[in-house]
Amino acid sequence: MGRRHNPPPVIAGLYVVAFAYADTSVRFEQRHTLNVGGKWLGRVPCLALCRSFQKAEFMIQHCSKRWEPLGIAAGYKSIEEAKQRIERSYHGITPKWRKQTVPRKTARAAY
């Protein structure tokens, strides 16, 4: 995948709580995944666990290797619920999650 860059603290207006790289050690299975524009999105190289600035809702941004959003899975009530759900399609992703180092308040002010 080349040199990895951490995601920005905000992707598509959402605060990035944690992020993970779906490298070759992660086994992808096409289920419980994203349908974008009538087509299955399939495996993506980067995942960002995000939170809305307005309410306590969590989402998973499916991103390109440059952290460009390709699709989003929304409606999770907790970080744990979102992580459990994504593990169903990205087997082995759980230990790869890295916590965002930019505080939410700082990210919101910059956004």
C-alpha atoms as a PDB file:
ATOM      1  CA  MET A   1       0.000   0.000   0.000  1.00  0.00           C
ATOM      2  CA  GLY A   2       3.017   2.275   0.109  1.00  0.00           C
ATOM      3  CA  ARG A   3       3.638   4.881   2.759  1.00  0.00           C
ATOM      4  CA  ARG A   4       0.697   5.266   5.085  1.00  0.00           C
ATOM      5  CA  HIS A   5      -0.597   8.596   6.211  1.00  0.00           C
ATOM      6  CA  ASN A   6      -2.931   9.082   9.138  1.00  0.00           C
ATOM      7  CA  PRO A   7      -6.340  10.461   8.229  1.00  0.00           C
ATOM      8  CA  PRO A   8      -7.322  14.063   8.796  1.00  0.00           C
ATOM      9  CA  PRO A   9      -9.253  14.576  12.066  1.00  0.00           C
ATOM     10  CA  VAL A  10     -12.434  15.335  10.085  1.00  0.00           C
ATOM     11  CA  ILE A  11     -13.645  13.384   7.029  1.00  0.00           C
ATOM     12  CA  ALA A  12     -16.797  14.557   5.228  1.00  0.00           C
ATOM     13  CA  GLY A  13     -17.838  16.651   8.227  1.00  0.00           C
ATOM     14  CA  LEU A  14     -17.408  13.819  10.745  1.00  0.00           C
ATOM     15  CA  TYR A  15     -14.869  13.543  13.553  1.00  0.00           C
ATOM     16  CA  VAL A  16     -12.494  10.596  13.132  1.00  0.00           C
ATOM     17  CA  VAL A  17     -12.454   8.787  16.496  1.00  0.00           C
ATOM     18  CA  ALA A  18     -10.238   5.927  15.302  1.00  0.00           C
ATOM     19  CA  PHE A  19      -8.832   4.562  12.055  1.00  0.00           C
ATOM     20  CA  ALA A  20      -7.498   1.310  10.636  1.00  0.00           C
ATOM     21  CA  TYR A  21      -5.659   0.044   7.581  1.00  0.00           C
ATOM     22  CA  ALA A  22      -7.127  -3.070   5.985  1.00  0.00           C
ATOM     23  CA  ASP A  23      -3.779  -4.584   5.013  1.00  0.00           C
ATOM     24  CA  THR A  24      -3.208  -8.071   3.604  1.00  0.00           C
ATOM     25  CA  SER A  25      -3.468  -9.666   7.072  1.00  0.00           C
ATOM     26  CA  VAL A  26      -7.143  -8.633   7.175  1.00  0.00           C
ATOM     27  CA  ARG A  27      -9.453 -11.081   5.390  1.00  0.00           C
ATOM     28  CA  PHE A  28     -12.333  -9.376   3.588  1.00  0.00           C
ATOM     29  CA  GLU A  29     -15.699 -11.082   3.154  1.00  0.00           C
ATOM     30  CA  GLN A  30     -18.423  -9.460   1.027  1.00  0.00           C
ATOM     31  CA  ARG A  31     -21.234  -9.368   3.612  1.00  0.00           C
ATOM     32  CA  HIS A  32     -22.671  -6.710   5.899  1.00  0.00           C
ATOM     33  CA  THR A  33     -20.882  -4.215   3.691  1.00  0.00           C
ATOM     34  CA  LEU A  34     -21.799  -1.191   1.690  1.00  0.00           C
ATOM     35  CA  ASN A  35     -23.962  -0.761  -1.351  1.00  0.00           C
ATOM     36  CA  VAL A  36     -23.142   2.552  -3.019  1.00  0.00           C
ATOM     37  CA  GLY A  37     -25.179   3.625  -6.022  1.00  0.00           C
ATOM     38  CA  GLY A  38     -26.569   0.116  -6.514  1.00  0.00           C
ATOM     39  CA  LYS A  39     -23.141  -1.598  -6.484  1.00  0.00           C
ATOM     40  CA  TRP A  40     -21.257  -3.352  -3.709  1.00  0.00           C
ATOM     41  CA  LEU A  41     -18.330  -1.222  -2.639  1.00  0.00           C
ATOM     42  CA  GLY A  42     -16.083  -4.181  -1.830  1.00  0.00           C
ATOM     43  CA  ARG A  43     -12.785  -4.048   0.020  1.00  0.00           C
ATOM     44  CA  VAL A  44     -11.277  -0.667   0.796  1.00  0.00           C
ATOM     45  CA  PRO A  45      -7.753   0.001   2.105  1.00  0.00           C
ATOM     46  CA  CYS A  46      -8.718   2.370   4.940  1.00  0.00           C
ATOM     47  CA  LEU A  47     -11.516   2.578   7.484  1.00  0.00           C
ATOM     48  CA  ALA A  48     -12.359   5.516   9.742  1.00  0.00           C
ATOM     49  CA  LEU A  49     -14.633   5.198  12.752  1.00  0.00           C
ATOM     50  CA  CYS A  50     -16.363   8.572  12.927  1.00  0.00           C
ATOM     51  CA  ARG A  51     -18.738  10.468  15.178  1.00  0.00           C
ATOM     52  CA  SER A  52     -21.151  13.203  14.306  1.00  0.00           C
ATOM     53  CA  PHE A  53     -20.430  16.595  15.887  1.00  0.00           C
ATOM     54  CA  GLN A  54     -24.183  17.107  16.439  1.00  0.00           C
ATOM     55  CA  LYS A  55     -25.297  13.861  18.073  1.00  0.00           C
ATOM     56  CA  ALA A  56     -24.033  10.641  19.640  1.00  0.00           C
ATOM     57  CA  GLU A  57     -24.089   8.578  16.440  1.00  0.00           C
ATOM     58  CA  PHE A  58     -21.135   6.630  15.101  1.00  0.00           C
ATOM     59  CA  MET A  59     -20.322   5.717  11.506  1.00  0.00           C
ATOM     60  CA  ILE A  60     -17.691   3.848   9.538  1.00  0.00           C
ATOM     61  CA  GLN A  61     -16.230   5.768   6.604  1.00  0.00           C
ATOM     62  CA  HIS A  62     -14.892   3.394   3.939  1.00  0.00           C
ATOM     63  CA  CYS A  63     -11.973   5.271   2.374  1.00  0.00           C
ATOM     64  CA  SER A  64      -9.349   5.182  -0.334  1.00  0.00           C
ATOM     65  CA  LYS A  65      -5.667   4.971   0.625  1.00  0.00           C
ATOM     66  CA  ARG A  66      -5.663   8.792   0.679  1.00  0.00           C
ATOM     67  CA  TRP A  67      -8.620   8.882   3.084  1.00  0.00           C
ATOM     68  CA  GLU A  68     -11.112  10.003   0.448  1.00  0.00           C
ATOM     69  CA  PRO A  69     -14.577   8.774   1.517  1.00  0.00           C
ATOM     70  CA  LEU A  70     -16.044   6.127  -0.800  1.00  0.00           C
ATOM     71  CA  GLY A  71     -19.068   5.127   1.286  1.00  0.00           C
ATOM     72  CA  ILE A  72     -20.410   5.242   4.813  1.00  0.00           C
ATOM     73  CA  ALA A  73     -22.170   2.810   7.141  1.00  0.00           C
ATOM     74  CA  ALA A  74     -24.145   4.749   9.755  1.00  0.00           C
ATOM     75  CA  GLY A  75     -26.472   4.367  12.695  1.00  0.00           C
ATOM     76  CA  TYR A  76     -24.244   2.799  15.327  1.00  0.00           C
ATOM     77  CA  LYS A  77     -24.950   3.746  18.942  1.00  0.00           C
ATOM     78  CA  SER A  78     -21.425   3.071  20.210  1.00  0.00           C
ATOM     79  CA  ILE A  79     -17.838   2.671  19.091  1.00  0.00           C
ATOM     80  CA  GLU A  80     -17.965  -0.973  20.179  1.00  0.00           C
ATOM     81  CA  GLU A  81     -21.067  -1.679  18.063  1.00  0.00           C
ATOM     82  CA  ALA A  82     -19.431  -0.135  14.983  1.00  0.00           C
ATOM     83  CA  LYS A  83     -16.211  -2.109  15.495  1.00  0.00           C
ATOM     84  CA  GLN A  84     -18.092  -5.384  15.976  1.00  0.00           C
ATOM     85  CA  ARG A  85     -20.100  -4.802  12.809  1.00  0.00           C
ATOM     86  CA  ILE A  86     -17.081  -4.006  10.617  1.00  0.00           C
ATOM     87  CA  GLU A  87     -15.235  -7.069  11.964  1.00  0.00           C
ATOM     88  CA  ARG A  88     -17.913  -9.215  10.275  1.00  0.00           C
ATOM     89  CA  SER A  89     -16.615  -8.125   6.874  1.00  0.00           C
ATOM     90  CA  TYR A  90     -13.011  -7.226   7.698  1.00  0.00           C
ATOM     91  CA  HIS A  91     -11.862 -10.243   9.727  1.00  0.00           C
ATOM     92  CA  GLY A  92      -8.865  -9.292  11.851  1.00  0.00           C
ATOM     93  CA  ILE A  93      -9.353  -5.508  11.713  1.00  0.00           C
ATOM     94  CA  THR A  94     -10.128  -5.135  15.440  1.00  0.00           C
ATOM     95  CA  PRO A  95      -6.510  -5.021  16.727  1.00  0.00           C
ATOM     96  CA  LYS A  96      -5.561  -2.591  13.953  1.00  0.00           C
ATOM     97  CA  TRP A  97      -7.706   0.312  15.175  1.00  0.00           C
ATOM     98  CA  ARG A  98      -5.658   3.381  16.184  1.00  0.00           C
ATOM     99  CA  LYS A  99      -7.072   6.186  18.297  1.00  0.00           C
ATOM    100  CA  GLN A 100      -7.262   9.707  16.898  1.00  0.00           C
ATOM    101  CA  THR A 101      -4.671  11.971  18.534  1.00  0.00           C
ATOM    102  CA  VAL A 102      -6.428  15.271  17.721  1.00  0.00           C
ATOM    103  CA  PRO A 103      -9.036  16.074  20.410  1.00  0.00           C
ATOM    104  CA  ARG A 104     -12.639  16.351  19.198  1.00  0.00           C
ATOM    105  CA  LYS A 105     -12.949  19.962  20.397  1.00  0.00           C
ATOM    106  CA  THR A 106      -9.789  20.969  18.478  1.00  0.00           C
ATOM    107  CA  ALA A 107     -10.984  19.172  15.338  1.00  0.00           C
ATOM    108  CA  ARG A 108     -14.387  20.839  15.499  1.00  0.00           C
ATOM    109  CA  ALA A 109     -12.839  24.294  15.918  1.00  0.00           C
ATOM    110  CA  ALA A 110     -10.537  23.700  12.929  1.00  0.00           C
ATOM    111  CA  TYR A 111     -13.407  22.354  10.839  1.00  0.00           C
END
